């Protein structure tokens, strides 16, 4: 699947359909850069795990990973990571990457790809 699944615009019915279609108890996704989770029918679970390569558009420079604990009711823990974002920004500049990408890493606000954000997620950001 190549589709953005946002918390505010993805229906639980659609996520239930995906889980049933794949006979999955848990679906883990990424790429949108904003973590979230939703309980589904039959004790199933959908988790967007966040992303390590880009801050969450919240004005902090941390990134996130997710721990999934197996069990009758799977546990989900979103874990923030503080890292040397200034070093990464310097490396990005040395590779002549667009300044908009560097600014996102440096300041924690998305400056690109805003057109894909639904209104609710976009309002959480600065731009």
PDB file of N, CA and C in Angstrom:
ATOM      1  N   UNK A   1       0.849  -1.171   0.000  1.00  0.00           N
ATOM      2  CA  UNK A   1       0.000   0.000   0.000  1.00  0.00           C
ATOM      3  C   UNK A   1       0.893   1.231   0.000  1.00  0.00           C
ATOM      4  N   UNK A   2       0.509   2.206  -0.745  1.00  0.00           N
ATOM      5  CA  UNK A   2       1.220   3.473  -0.757  1.00  0.00           C
ATOM      6  C   UNK A   2       0.188   4.566  -0.543  1.00  0.00           C
ATOM      7  N   UNK A   3      -0.136   4.789   0.720  1.00  0.00           N
ATOM      8  CA  UNK A   3      -1.194   5.727   1.064  1.00  0.00           C
ATOM      9  C   UNK A   3      -0.871   6.345   2.412  1.00  0.00           C
ATOM     10  N   UNK A   4      -1.097   7.650   2.534  1.00  0.00           N
ATOM     11  CA  UNK A   4      -0.927   8.307   3.821  1.00  0.00           C
ATOM     12  C   UNK A   4      -2.149   7.996   4.687  1.00  0.00           C
ATOM     13  N   UNK A   5      -1.898   7.493   5.872  1.00  0.00           N
ATOM     14  CA  UNK A   5      -2.970   7.204   6.824  1.00  0.00           C
ATOM     15  C   UNK A   5      -2.804   8.161   7.994  1.00  0.00           C
ATOM     16  N   UNK A   6      -3.647   9.185   8.016  1.00  0.00           N
ATOM     17  CA  UNK A   6      -3.578  10.212   9.051  1.00  0.00           C
ATOM     18  C   UNK A   6      -4.614   9.928  10.129  1.00  0.00           C
ATOM     19  N   UNK A   7      -4.303  10.295  11.340  1.00  0.00           N
ATOM     20  CA  UNK A   7      -5.212  10.053  12.457  1.00  0.00           C
ATOM     21  C   UNK A   7      -6.560  10.735  12.243  1.00  0.00           C
ATOM     22  N   UNK A   8      -6.560  11.950  11.736  1.00  0.00           N
ATOM     23  CA  UNK A   8      -7.804  12.713  11.631  1.00  0.00           C
ATOM     24  C   UNK A   8      -8.654  12.352  10.421  1.00  0.00           C
ATOM     25  N   UNK A   9      -8.081  11.710   9.425  1.00  0.00           N
ATOM     26  CA  UNK A   9      -8.838  11.468   8.190  1.00  0.00           C
ATOM     27  C   UNK A   9      -9.010   9.995   7.843  1.00  0.00           C
ATOM     28  N   UNK A  10      -8.434   9.111   8.621  1.00  0.00           N
ATOM     29  CA  UNK A  10      -8.545   7.682   8.344  1.00  0.00           C
ATOM     30  C   UNK A  10      -9.599   7.081   9.266  1.00  0.00           C
ATOM     31  N   UNK A  11     -10.624   6.548   8.674  1.00  0.00           N
ATOM     32  CA  UNK A  11     -11.723   6.017   9.485  1.00  0.00           C
ATOM     33  C   UNK A  11     -11.332   4.696  10.143  1.00  0.00           C
ATOM     34  N   UNK A  12     -11.917   4.463  11.292  1.00  0.00           N
ATOM     35  CA  UNK A  12     -11.711   3.191  11.976  1.00  0.00           C
ATOM     36  C   UNK A  12     -12.253   2.054  11.118  1.00  0.00           C
ATOM     37  N   UNK A  13     -13.344   2.291  10.406  1.00  0.00           N
ATOM     38  CA  UNK A  13     -13.906   1.251   9.529  1.00  0.00           C
ATOM     39  C   UNK A  13     -12.888   0.829   8.473  1.00  0.00           C
ATOM     40  N   UNK A  14     -12.168   1.779   7.907  1.00  0.00           N
ATOM     41  CA  UNK A  14     -11.157   1.447   6.903  1.00  0.00           C
ATOM     42  C   UNK A  14     -10.010   0.649   7.525  1.00  0.00           C
ATOM     43  N   UNK A  15      -9.575   1.048   8.718  1.00  0.00           N
ATOM     44  CA  UNK A  15      -8.492   0.324   9.388  1.00  0.00           C
ATOM     45  C   UNK A  15      -8.946  -1.082   9.766  1.00  0.00           C
ATOM     46  N   UNK A  16     -10.185  -1.216  10.217  1.00  0.00           N
ATOM     47  CA  UNK A  16     -10.731  -2.549  10.490  1.00  0.00           C
ATOM     48  C   UNK A  16     -10.720  -3.403   9.223  1.00  0.00           C
ATOM     49  N   UNK A  17     -11.111  -2.819   8.110  1.00  0.00           N
ATOM     50  CA  UNK A  17     -11.101  -3.520   6.827  1.00  0.00           C
ATOM     51  C   UNK A  17      -9.685  -4.011   6.492  1.00  0.00           C
ATOM     52  N   UNK A  18      -8.687  -3.137   6.643  1.00  0.00           N
ATOM     53  CA  UNK A  18      -7.302  -3.535   6.350  1.00  0.00           C
ATOM     54  C   UNK A  18      -6.866  -4.699   7.231  1.00  0.00           C
ATOM     55  N   UNK A  19      -7.184  -4.621   8.508  1.00  0.00           N
ATOM     56  CA  UNK A  19      -6.781  -5.682   9.439  1.00  0.00           C
ATOM     57  C   UNK A  19      -7.452  -7.001   9.091  1.00  0.00           C
ATOM     58  N   UNK A  20      -8.742  -6.951   8.782  1.00  0.00           N
ATOM     59  CA  UNK A  20      -9.455  -8.182   8.400  1.00  0.00           C
ATOM     60  C   UNK A  20      -8.914  -8.738   7.089  1.00  0.00           C
ATOM     61  N   UNK A  21      -8.701  -7.858   6.112  1.00  0.00           N
ATOM     62  CA  UNK A  21      -8.223  -8.285   4.796  1.00  0.00           C
ATOM     63  C   UNK A  21      -6.867  -8.992   4.892  1.00  0.00           C
ATOM     64  N   UNK A  22      -6.021  -8.534   5.803  1.00  0.00           N
ATOM     65  CA  UNK A  22      -4.694  -9.117   5.964  1.00  0.00           C
ATOM     66  C   UNK A  22      -4.638 -10.150   7.088  1.00  0.00           C
ATOM     67  N   UNK A  23      -5.773 -10.395   7.739  1.00  0.00           N
ATOM     68  CA  UNK A  23      -5.843 -11.293   8.885  1.00  0.00           C
ATOM     69  C   UNK A  23      -4.768 -10.919   9.906  1.00  0.00           C
ATOM     70  N   UNK A  24      -4.703  -9.617  10.201  1.00  0.00           N
ATOM     71  CA  UNK A  24      -3.658  -9.085  11.082  1.00  0.00           C
ATOM     72  C   UNK A  24      -4.246  -8.677  12.425  1.00  0.00           C
ATOM     73  N   UNK A  25      -3.565  -9.037  13.489  1.00  0.00           N
ATOM     74  CA  UNK A  25      -3.949  -8.575  14.818  1.00  0.00           C
ATOM     75  C   UNK A  25      -3.423  -7.164  15.076  1.00  0.00           C
ATOM     76  N   UNK A  26      -2.269  -6.861  14.473  1.00  0.00           N
ATOM     77  CA  UNK A  26      -1.624  -5.554  14.639  1.00  0.00           C
ATOM     78  C   UNK A  26      -1.120  -5.105  13.274  1.00  0.00           C
ATOM     79  N   UNK A  27      -1.361  -3.848  12.961  1.00  0.00           N
ATOM     80  CA  UNK A  27      -0.786  -3.239  11.765  1.00  0.00           C
ATOM     81  C   UNK A  27       0.105  -2.091  12.221  1.00  0.00           C
ATOM     82  N   UNK A  28       1.353  -2.119  11.780  1.00  0.00           N
ATOM     83  CA  UNK A  28       2.318  -1.059  12.079  1.00  0.00           C
ATOM     84  C   UNK A  28       2.635  -0.343  10.776  1.00  0.00           C
ATOM     85  N   UNK A  29       2.554   0.973  10.790  1.00  0.00           N
ATOM     86  CA  UNK A  29       2.872   1.760   9.608  1.00  0.00           C
ATOM     87  C   UNK A  29       3.799   2.902   9.994  1.00  0.00           C
ATOM     88  N   UNK A  30       4.279   3.584   8.987  1.00  0.00           N
ATOM     89  CA  UNK A  30       5.150   4.732   9.211  1.00  0.00           C
ATOM     90  C   UNK A  30       5.025   5.679   8.034  1.00  0.00           C
ATOM     91  N   UNK A  31       5.937   6.540   7.920  1.00  0.00           N
ATOM     92  CA  UNK A  31       6.165   7.468   6.818  1.00  0.00           C
ATOM     93  C   UNK A  31       5.482   8.808   6.989  1.00  0.00           C
ATOM     94  N   UNK A  32       4.356   8.894   7.671  1.00  0.00           N
ATOM     95  CA  UNK A  32       3.739  10.204   7.811  1.00  0.00           C
ATOM     96  C   UNK A  32       4.509  11.086   8.781  1.00  0.00           C
ATOM     97  N   UNK A  33       5.300  10.495   9.655  1.00  0.00           N
ATOM     98  CA  UNK A  33       6.112  11.272  10.583  1.00  0.00           C
ATOM     99  C   UNK A  33       5.398  11.682  11.858  1.00  0.00           C
ATOM    100  N   UNK A  34       4.129  11.350  11.973  1.00  0.00           N
ATOM    101  CA  UNK A  34       3.368  11.697  13.173  1.00  0.00           C
ATOM    102  C   UNK A  34       2.776  10.413  13.752  1.00  0.00           C
ATOM    103  N   UNK A  35       3.180  10.101  14.973  1.00  0.00           N
ATOM    104  CA  UNK A  35       2.775   8.843  15.596  1.00  0.00           C
ATOM    105  C   UNK A  35       1.337   8.907  16.095  1.00  0.00           C
ATOM    106  N   UNK A  36       0.664   7.768  16.056  1.00  0.00           N
ATOM    107  CA  UNK A  36      -0.664   7.633  16.643  1.00  0.00           C
ATOM    108  C   UNK A  36      -1.059   6.175  16.665  1.00  0.00           C
ATOM    109  N   UNK A  37      -2.080   5.878  17.441  1.00  0.00           N
ATOM    110  CA  UNK A  37      -2.569   4.504  17.563  1.00  0.00           C
ATOM    111  C   UNK A  37      -4.084   4.507  17.654  1.00  0.00           C
ATOM    112  N   UNK A  38      -4.677   3.370  17.271  1.00  0.00           N
ATOM    113  CA  UNK A  38      -6.127   3.232  17.381  1.00  0.00           C
ATOM    114  C   UNK A  38      -6.476   1.773  17.635  1.00  0.00           C
ATOM    115  N   UNK A  39      -7.372   1.570  18.608  1.00  0.00           N
ATOM    116  CA  UNK A  39      -7.903   0.242  18.884  1.00  0.00           C
ATOM    117  C   UNK A  39      -8.926  -0.094  17.801  1.00  0.00           C
ATOM    118  N   UNK A  40      -8.927  -1.348  17.345  1.00  0.00           N
ATOM    119  CA  UNK A  40      -9.839  -1.791  16.296  1.00  0.00           C
ATOM    120  C   UNK A  40     -10.731  -2.906  16.826  1.00  0.00           C
ATOM    121  N   UNK A  41     -11.720  -3.275  16.023  1.00  0.00           N
ATOM    122  CA  UNK A  41     -12.611  -4.376  16.397  1.00  0.00           C
ATOM    123  C   UNK A  41     -11.826  -5.653  16.668  1.00  0.00           C
ATOM    124  N   UNK A  42     -12.377  -6.489  17.525  1.00  0.00           N
ATOM    125  CA  UNK A  42     -11.784  -7.792  17.789  1.00  0.00           C
ATOM    126  C   UNK A  42     -10.449  -7.741  18.496  1.00  0.00           C
ATOM    127  N   UNK A  43     -10.173  -6.644  19.214  1.00  0.00           N
ATOM    128  CA  UNK A  43      -8.902  -6.533  19.930  1.00  0.00           C
ATOM    129  C   UNK A  43      -7.719  -6.247  19.028  1.00  0.00           C
ATOM    130  N   UNK A  44      -7.965  -5.910  17.778  1.00  0.00           N
ATOM    131  CA  UNK A  44      -6.879  -5.581  16.846  1.00  0.00           C
ATOM    132  C   UNK A  44      -6.381  -4.170  17.121  1.00  0.00           C
ATOM    133  N   UNK A  45      -5.224  -3.872  16.550  1.00  0.00           N
ATOM    134  CA  UNK A  45      -4.576  -2.601  16.848  1.00  0.00           C
ATOM    135  C   UNK A  45      -3.911  -2.047  15.597  1.00  0.00           C
ATOM    136  N   UNK A  46      -4.056  -0.751  15.398  1.00  0.00           N
ATOM    137  CA  UNK A  46      -3.350  -0.038  14.332  1.00  0.00           C
ATOM    138  C   UNK A  46      -2.421   0.963  15.001  1.00  0.00           C
ATOM    139  N   UNK A  47      -1.149   1.004  14.552  1.00  0.00           N
ATOM    140  CA  UNK A  47      -0.171   1.937  15.113  1.00  0.00           C
ATOM    141  C   UNK A  47       0.627   2.561  13.981  1.00  0.00           C
ATOM    142  N   UNK A  48       0.617   3.891  13.922  1.00  0.00           N
ATOM    143  CA  UNK A  48       1.564   4.604  13.077  1.00  0.00           C
ATOM    144  C   UNK A  48       2.736   4.917  13.998  1.00  0.00           C
ATOM    145  N   UNK A  49       3.889   4.349  13.717  1.00  0.00           N
ATOM    146  CA  UNK A  49       4.997   4.341  14.665  1.00  0.00           C
ATOM    147  C   UNK A  49       5.831   5.620  14.686  1.00  0.00           C
ATOM    148  N   UNK A  50       5.506   6.586  13.840  1.00  0.00           N
ATOM    149  CA  UNK A  50       6.330   7.783  13.780  1.00  0.00           C
ATOM    150  C   UNK A  50       7.475   7.557  12.799  1.00  0.00           C
ATOM    151  N   UNK A  51       8.527   8.325  12.954  1.00  0.00           N
ATOM    152  CA  UNK A  51       9.652   8.206  12.031  1.00  0.00           C
ATOM    153  C   UNK A  51      10.909   8.723  12.714  1.00  0.00           C
ATOM    154  N   UNK A  52      12.028   8.096  12.428  1.00  0.00           N
ATOM    155  CA  UNK A  52      13.291   8.535  13.029  1.00  0.00           C
ATOM    156  C   UNK A  52      13.942   9.684  12.274  1.00  0.00           C
ATOM    157  N   UNK A  53      13.616   9.878  11.012  1.00  0.00           N
ATOM    158  CA  UNK A  53      14.358  10.823  10.190  1.00  0.00           C
ATOM    159  C   UNK A  53      13.847  12.239  10.164  1.00  0.00           C
ATOM    160  N   UNK A  54      12.797  12.546  10.922  1.00  0.00           N
ATOM    161  CA  UNK A  54      12.204  13.877  10.833  1.00  0.00           C
ATOM    162  C   UNK A  54      11.434  14.155  12.120  1.00  0.00           C
ATOM    163  N   UNK A  55      11.596  15.354  12.694  1.00  0.00           N
ATOM    164  CA  UNK A  55      10.798  15.692  13.874  1.00  0.00           C
ATOM    165  C   UNK A  55       9.306  15.644  13.565  1.00  0.00           C
ATOM    166  N   UNK A  56       8.491  15.651  14.593  1.00  0.00           N
ATOM    167  CA  UNK A  56       7.059  15.417  14.446  1.00  0.00           C
ATOM    168  C   UNK A  56       6.237  16.680  14.149  1.00  0.00           C
ATOM    169  N   UNK A  57       6.850  17.747  13.739  1.00  0.00           N
ATOM    170  CA  UNK A  57       6.139  18.996  13.441  1.00  0.00           C
ATOM    171  C   UNK A  57       5.512  19.569  14.702  1.00  0.00           C
ATOM    172  N   UNK A  58       6.276  19.493  15.796  1.00  0.00           N
ATOM    173  CA  UNK A  58       5.766  19.974  17.078  1.00  0.00           C
ATOM    174  C   UNK A  58       6.682  21.004  17.732  1.00  0.00           C
ATOM    175  N   UNK A  59       7.674  21.491  16.981  1.00  0.00           N
ATOM    176  CA  UNK A  59       8.569  22.504  17.522  1.00  0.00           C
ATOM    177  C   UNK A  59       9.671  21.960  18.390  1.00  0.00           C
ATOM    178  N   UNK A  60       9.773  20.636  18.481  1.00  0.00           N
ATOM    179  CA  UNK A  60      10.912  20.031  19.174  1.00  0.00           C
ATOM    180  C   UNK A  60      11.749  19.302  18.124  1.00  0.00           C
ATOM    181  N   UNK A  61      12.991  19.089  18.436  1.00  0.00           N
ATOM    182  CA  UNK A  61      13.889  18.435  17.471  1.00  0.00           C
ATOM    183  C   UNK A  61      13.981  16.934  17.686  1.00  0.00           C
ATOM    184  N   UNK A  62      13.266  16.418  18.657  1.00  0.00           N
ATOM    185  CA  UNK A  62      13.329  14.975  18.909  1.00  0.00           C
ATOM    186  C   UNK A  62      12.607  14.209  17.792  1.00  0.00           C
ATOM    187  N   UNK A  63      12.969  12.958  17.670  1.00  0.00           N
ATOM    188  CA  UNK A  63      12.286  12.026  16.774  1.00  0.00           C
ATOM    189  C   UNK A  63      11.779  10.875  17.637  1.00  0.00           C
ATOM    190  N   UNK A  64      11.055   9.938  17.033  1.00  0.00           N
ATOM    191  CA  UNK A  64      10.369   8.915  17.815  1.00  0.00           C
ATOM    192  C   UNK A  64      10.581   7.527  17.230  1.00  0.00           C
ATOM    193  N   UNK A  65      10.585   6.556  18.115  1.00  0.00           N
ATOM    194  CA  UNK A  65      10.421   5.170  17.703  1.00  0.00           C
ATOM    195  C   UNK A  65       9.374   4.556  18.624  1.00  0.00           C
ATOM    196  N   UNK A  66       8.945   3.353  18.280  1.00  0.00           N
ATOM    197  CA  UNK A  66       7.844   2.728  19.003  1.00  0.00           C
ATOM    198  C   UNK A  66       8.237   1.328  19.448  1.00  0.00           C
ATOM    199  N   UNK A  67       7.898   1.011  20.684  1.00  0.00           N
ATOM    200  CA  UNK A  67       8.082  -0.343  21.207  1.00  0.00           C
ATOM    201  C   UNK A  67       6.705  -0.997  21.257  1.00  0.00           C
ATOM    202  N   UNK A  68       6.614  -2.155  20.664  1.00  0.00           N
ATOM    203  CA  UNK A  68       5.381  -2.941  20.700  1.00  0.00           C
ATOM    204  C   UNK A  68       5.639  -4.145  21.591  1.00  0.00           C
ATOM    205  N   UNK A  69       4.859  -4.269  22.651  1.00  0.00           N
ATOM    206  CA  UNK A  69       4.986  -5.398  23.565  1.00  0.00           C
ATOM    207  C   UNK A  69       3.921  -6.422  23.224  1.00  0.00           C
ATOM    208  N   UNK A  70       4.370  -7.624  22.934  1.00  0.00           N
ATOM    209  CA  UNK A  70       3.467  -8.708  22.572  1.00  0.00           C
ATOM    210  C   UNK A  70       2.705  -9.168  23.805  1.00  0.00           C
ATOM    211  N   UNK A  71       1.506  -9.588  23.596  1.00  0.00           N
ATOM    212  CA  UNK A  71       0.698 -10.097  24.697  1.00  0.00           C
ATOM    213  C   UNK A  71      -0.742 -10.191  24.266  1.00  0.00           C
ATOM    214  N   UNK A  72      -1.582 -10.625  25.171  1.00  0.00           N
ATOM    215  CA  UNK A  72      -2.998 -10.739  24.856  1.00  0.00           C
ATOM    216  C   UNK A  72      -3.547  -9.382  24.422  1.00  0.00           C
ATOM    217  N   UNK A  73      -3.130  -8.335  25.116  1.00  0.00           N
ATOM    218  CA  UNK A  73      -3.411  -6.962  24.700  1.00  0.00           C
ATOM    219  C   UNK A  73      -2.060  -6.310  24.447  1.00  0.00           C
ATOM    220  N   UNK A  74      -1.693  -6.116  23.169  1.00  0.00           N
ATOM    221  CA  UNK A  74      -0.368  -5.554  22.875  1.00  0.00           C
ATOM    222  C   UNK A  74      -0.189  -4.171  23.493  1.00  0.00           C
ATOM    223  N   UNK A  75       0.978  -3.949  24.066  1.00  0.00           N
ATOM    224  CA  UNK A  75       1.308  -2.642  24.616  1.00  0.00           C
ATOM    225  C   UNK A  75       2.058  -1.823  23.589  1.00  0.00           C
ATOM    226  N   UNK A  76       1.833  -0.529  23.586  1.00  0.00           N
ATOM    227  CA  UNK A  76       2.501   0.379  22.662  1.00  0.00           C
ATOM    228  C   UNK A  76       3.138   1.490  23.478  1.00  0.00           C
ATOM    229  N   UNK A  77       4.420   1.705  23.253  1.00  0.00           N
ATOM    230  CA  UNK A  77       5.113   2.799  23.922  1.00  0.00           C
ATOM    231  C   UNK A  77       5.821   3.632  22.862  1.00  0.00           C
ATOM    232  N   UNK A  78       5.474   4.920  22.791  1.00  0.00           N
ATOM    233  CA  UNK A  78       6.156   5.851  21.900  1.00  0.00           C
ATOM    234  C   UNK A  78       7.332   6.446  22.668  1.00  0.00           C
ATOM    235  N   UNK A  79       8.528   6.327  22.101  1.00  0.00           N
ATOM    236  CA  UNK A  79       9.749   6.708  22.803  1.00  0.00           C
ATOM    237  C   UNK A  79      10.438   7.856  22.056  1.00  0.00           C
ATOM    238  N   UNK A  80      10.613   9.009  22.719  1.00  0.00           N
ATOM    239  CA  UNK A  80      11.311  10.119  22.072  1.00  0.00           C
ATOM    240  C   UNK A  80      12.820   9.911  22.105  1.00  0.00           C
ATOM    241  N   UNK A  81      13.481  10.415  21.089  1.00  0.00           N
ATOM    242  CA  UNK A  81      14.941  10.345  21.027  1.00  0.00           C
ATOM    243  C   UNK A  81      15.490  11.751  20.837  1.00  0.00           C
ATOM    244  N   UNK A  82      16.323  12.155  21.759  1.00  0.00           N
ATOM    245  CA  UNK A  82      17.083  13.388  21.586  1.00  0.00           C
ATOM    246  C   UNK A  82      18.373  12.992  20.890  1.00  0.00           C
ATOM    247  N   UNK A  83      18.769  13.724  19.898  1.00  0.00           N
ATOM    248  CA  UNK A  83      19.982  13.400  19.160  1.00  0.00           C
ATOM    249  C   UNK A  83      20.667  14.700  18.761  1.00  0.00           C
ATOM    250  N   UNK A  84      21.836  14.600  18.198  1.00  0.00           N
ATOM    251  CA  UNK A  84      22.599  15.782  17.806  1.00  0.00           C
ATOM    252  C   UNK A  84      22.051  16.326  16.487  1.00  0.00           C
ATOM    253  N   UNK A  85      20.919  17.009  16.587  1.00  0.00           N
ATOM    254  CA  UNK A  85      20.278  17.555  15.389  1.00  0.00           C
ATOM    255  C   UNK A  85      21.115  18.657  14.736  1.00  0.00           C
ATOM    256  N   UNK A  86      21.909  19.360  15.534  1.00  0.00           N
ATOM    257  CA  UNK A  86      22.774  20.397  14.955  1.00  0.00           C
ATOM    258  C   UNK A  86      23.844  19.769  14.061  1.00  0.00           C
ATOM    259  N   UNK A  87      24.365  18.653  14.483  1.00  0.00           N
ATOM    260  CA  UNK A  87      25.341  17.944  13.652  1.00  0.00           C
ATOM    261  C   UNK A  87      24.695  17.467  12.351  1.00  0.00           C
ATOM    262  N   UNK A  88      23.492  16.900  12.468  1.00  0.00           N
ATOM    263  CA  UNK A  88      22.788  16.452  11.273  1.00  0.00           C
ATOM    264  C   UNK A  88      22.532  17.628  10.329  1.00  0.00           C
ATOM    265  N   UNK A  89      22.104  18.766  10.874  1.00  0.00           N
ATOM    266  CA  UNK A  89      21.860  19.946  10.040  1.00  0.00           C
ATOM    267  C   UNK A  89      23.143  20.368   9.321  1.00  0.00           C
ATOM    268  N   UNK A  90      24.263  20.338  10.020  1.00  0.00           N
ATOM    269  CA  UNK A  90      25.541  20.695   9.394  1.00  0.00           C
ATOM    270  C   UNK A  90      25.896  19.710   8.281  1.00  0.00           C
ATOM    271  N   UNK A  91      25.668  18.432   8.526  1.00  0.00           N
ATOM    272  CA  UNK A  91      25.934  17.427   7.485  1.00  0.00           C
ATOM    273  C   UNK A  91      25.024  17.636   6.275  1.00  0.00           C
ATOM    274  N   UNK A  92      23.768  17.976   6.534  1.00  0.00           N
ATOM    275  CA  UNK A  92      22.837  18.223   5.438  1.00  0.00           C
ATOM    276  C   UNK A  92      23.292  19.427   4.605  1.00  0.00           C
ATOM    277  N   UNK A  93      23.739  20.477   5.293  1.00  0.00           N
ATOM    278  CA  UNK A  93      24.255  21.653   4.572  1.00  0.00           C
ATOM    279  C   UNK A  93      25.491  21.299   3.765  1.00  0.00           C
ATOM    280  N   UNK A  94      26.369  20.482   4.336  1.00  0.00           N
ATOM    281  CA  UNK A  94      27.598  20.109   3.616  1.00  0.00           C
ATOM    282  C   UNK A  94      27.297  19.283   2.376  1.00  0.00           C
ATOM    283  N   UNK A  95      26.145  18.622   2.380  1.00  0.00           N
ATOM    284  CA  UNK A  95      25.708  17.839   1.214  1.00  0.00           C
ATOM    285  C   UNK A  95      24.834  18.675   0.268  1.00  0.00           C
ATOM    286  N   UNK A  96      24.680  19.972   0.600  1.00  0.00           N
ATOM    287  CA  UNK A  96      23.917  20.920  -0.224  1.00  0.00           C
ATOM    288  C   UNK A  96      22.449  20.533  -0.366  1.00  0.00           C
ATOM    289  N   UNK A  97      21.896  19.972   0.710  1.00  0.00           N
ATOM    290  CA  UNK A  97      20.469  19.686   0.707  1.00  0.00           C
ATOM    291  C   UNK A  97      19.698  20.994   0.862  1.00  0.00           C
ATOM    292  N   UNK A  98      18.476  21.036   0.394  1.00  0.00           N
ATOM    293  CA  UNK A  98      17.694  22.273   0.491  1.00  0.00           C
ATOM    294  C   UNK A  98      17.579  22.769   1.929  1.00  0.00           C
ATOM    295  N   UNK A  99      17.699  24.068   2.101  1.00  0.00           N
ATOM    296  CA  UNK A  99      17.648  24.676   3.428  1.00  0.00           C
ATOM    297  C   UNK A  99      16.319  24.392   4.137  1.00  0.00           C
ATOM    298  N   UNK A 100      15.250  24.198   3.383  1.00  0.00           N
ATOM    299  CA  UNK A 100      13.962  23.883   4.002  1.00  0.00           C
ATOM    300  C   UNK A 100      14.038  22.589   4.800  1.00  0.00           C
ATOM    301  N   UNK A 101      14.772  21.593   4.283  1.00  0.00           N
ATOM    302  CA  UNK A 101      14.927  20.326   4.997  1.00  0.00           C
ATOM    303  C   UNK A 101      15.773  20.516   6.247  1.00  0.00           C
ATOM    304  N   UNK A 102      16.817  21.324   6.117  1.00  0.00           N
ATOM    305  CA  UNK A 102      17.700  21.601   7.249  1.00  0.00           C
ATOM    306  C   UNK A 102      16.922  22.315   8.356  1.00  0.00           C
ATOM    307  N   UNK A 103      16.083  23.266   7.971  1.00  0.00           N
ATOM    308  CA  UNK A 103      15.313  24.019   8.955  1.00  0.00           C
ATOM    309  C   UNK A 103      14.370  23.111   9.743  1.00  0.00           C
ATOM    310  N   UNK A 104      13.755  22.140   9.078  1.00  0.00           N
ATOM    311  CA  UNK A 104      12.875  21.203   9.779  1.00  0.00           C
ATOM    312  C   UNK A 104      13.641  20.445  10.855  1.00  0.00           C
ATOM    313  N   UNK A 105      14.814  19.955  10.527  1.00  0.00           N
ATOM    314  CA  UNK A 105      15.636  19.224  11.488  1.00  0.00           C
ATOM    315  C   UNK A 105      16.104  20.152  12.610  1.00  0.00           C
ATOM    316  N   UNK A 106      16.419  21.401  12.268  1.00  0.00           N
ATOM    317  CA  UNK A 106      16.964  22.353  13.244  1.00  0.00           C
ATOM    318  C   UNK A 106      15.921  22.904  14.200  1.00  0.00           C
ATOM    319  N   UNK A 107      14.678  23.066  13.711  1.00  0.00           N
ATOM    320  CA  UNK A 107      13.680  23.765  14.519  1.00  0.00           C
ATOM    321  C   UNK A 107      12.466  22.927  14.900  1.00  0.00           C
ATOM    322  N   UNK A 108      12.310  21.773  14.270  1.00  0.00           N
ATOM    323  CA  UNK A 108      11.208  20.898  14.642  1.00  0.00           C
ATOM    324  C   UNK A 108       9.874  21.240  14.012  1.00  0.00           C
ATOM    325  N   UNK A 109       9.857  22.198  13.099  1.00  0.00           N
ATOM    326  CA  UNK A 109       8.628  22.540  12.374  1.00  0.00           C
ATOM    327  C   UNK A 109       8.796  22.145  10.924  1.00  0.00           C
ATOM    328  N   UNK A 110       7.799  21.517  10.357  1.00  0.00           N
ATOM    329  CA  UNK A 110       7.873  21.133   8.954  1.00  0.00           C
ATOM    330  C   UNK A 110       7.783  22.371   8.079  1.00  0.00           C
ATOM    331  N   UNK A 111       8.645  22.426   7.098  1.00  0.00           N
ATOM    332  CA  UNK A 111       8.648  23.527   6.136  1.00  0.00           C
ATOM    333  C   UNK A 111       8.377  23.012   4.729  1.00  0.00           C
ATOM    334  N   UNK A 112       8.276  21.697   4.571  1.00  0.00           N
ATOM    335  CA  UNK A 112       7.995  21.091   3.271  1.00  0.00           C
ATOM    336  C   UNK A 112       6.911  20.034   3.447  1.00  0.00           C
ATOM    337  N   UNK A 113       6.314  19.641   2.361  1.00  0.00           N
ATOM    338  CA  UNK A 113       5.303  18.571   2.337  1.00  0.00           C
ATOM    339  C   UNK A 113       4.047  18.926   3.115  1.00  0.00           C
ATOM    340  N   UNK A 114       3.840  20.192   3.373  1.00  0.00           N
ATOM    341  CA  UNK A 114       2.662  20.609   4.135  1.00  0.00           C
ATOM    342  C   UNK A 114       1.369  20.352   3.374  1.00  0.00           C
ATOM    343  N   UNK A 115       1.462  20.254   2.071  1.00  0.00           N
ATOM    344  CA  UNK A 115       0.253  20.037   1.267  1.00  0.00           C
ATOM    345  C   UNK A 115      -0.372  18.666   1.515  1.00  0.00           C
ATOM    346  N   UNK A 116       0.381  17.731   2.061  1.00  0.00           N
ATOM    347  CA  UNK A 116      -0.183  16.410   2.325  1.00  0.00           C
ATOM    348  C   UNK A 116      -0.836  16.319   3.700  1.00  0.00           C
ATOM    349  N   UNK A 117      -0.584  17.298   4.551  1.00  0.00           N
ATOM    350  CA  UNK A 117      -1.141  17.268   5.906  1.00  0.00           C
ATOM    351  C   UNK A 117      -2.615  17.635   5.901  1.00  0.00           C
ATOM    352  N   UNK A 118      -3.454  16.821   6.520  1.00  0.00           N
ATOM    353  CA  UNK A 118      -4.849  17.222   6.712  1.00  0.00           C
ATOM    354  C   UNK A 118      -4.912  18.450   7.627  1.00  0.00           C
ATOM    355  N   UNK A 119      -6.023  19.162   7.579  1.00  0.00           N
ATOM    356  CA  UNK A 119      -6.159  20.419   8.323  1.00  0.00           C
ATOM    357  C   UNK A 119      -5.866  20.256   9.814  1.00  0.00           C
ATOM    358  N   UNK A 120      -6.381  19.209  10.429  1.00  0.00           N
ATOM    359  CA  UNK A 120      -6.182  19.040  11.877  1.00  0.00           C
ATOM    360  C   UNK A 120      -4.701  18.887  12.212  1.00  0.00           C
ATOM    361  N   UNK A 121      -3.991  18.054  11.467  1.00  0.00           N
ATOM    362  CA  UNK A 121      -2.561  17.870  11.720  1.00  0.00           C
ATOM    363  C   UNK A 121      -1.770  19.131  11.366  1.00  0.00           C
ATOM    364  N   UNK A 122      -2.197  19.824  10.340  1.00  0.00           N
ATOM    365  CA  UNK A 122      -1.484  21.046   9.940  1.00  0.00           C
ATOM    366  C   UNK A 122      -1.638  22.131  10.999  1.00  0.00           C
ATOM    367  N   UNK A 123      -2.789  22.243  11.618  1.00  0.00           N
ATOM    368  CA  UNK A 123      -3.002  23.266  12.653  1.00  0.00           C
ATOM    369  C   UNK A 123      -2.077  23.074  13.848  1.00  0.00           C
ATOM    370  N   UNK A 124      -1.607  21.869  14.070  1.00  0.00           N
ATOM    371  CA  UNK A 124      -0.679  21.619  15.186  1.00  0.00           C
ATOM    372  C   UNK A 124       0.696  22.219  14.918  1.00  0.00           C
ATOM    373  N   UNK A 125       0.995  22.486  13.639  1.00  0.00           N
ATOM    374  CA  UNK A 125       2.309  23.001  13.261  1.00  0.00           C
ATOM    375  C   UNK A 125       2.366  24.512  13.273  1.00  0.00           C
ATOM    376  N   UNK A 126       3.496  25.019  12.832  1.00  0.00           N
ATOM    377  CA  UNK A 126       3.730  26.459  12.820  1.00  0.00           C
ATOM    378  C   UNK A 126       3.321  27.082  11.481  1.00  0.00           C
ATOM    379  N   UNK A 127       3.427  26.337  10.400  1.00  0.00           N
ATOM    380  CA  UNK A 127       3.189  26.899   9.068  1.00  0.00           C
ATOM    381  C   UNK A 127       1.912  26.370   8.456  1.00  0.00           C
TER     382      UNK A 127
END
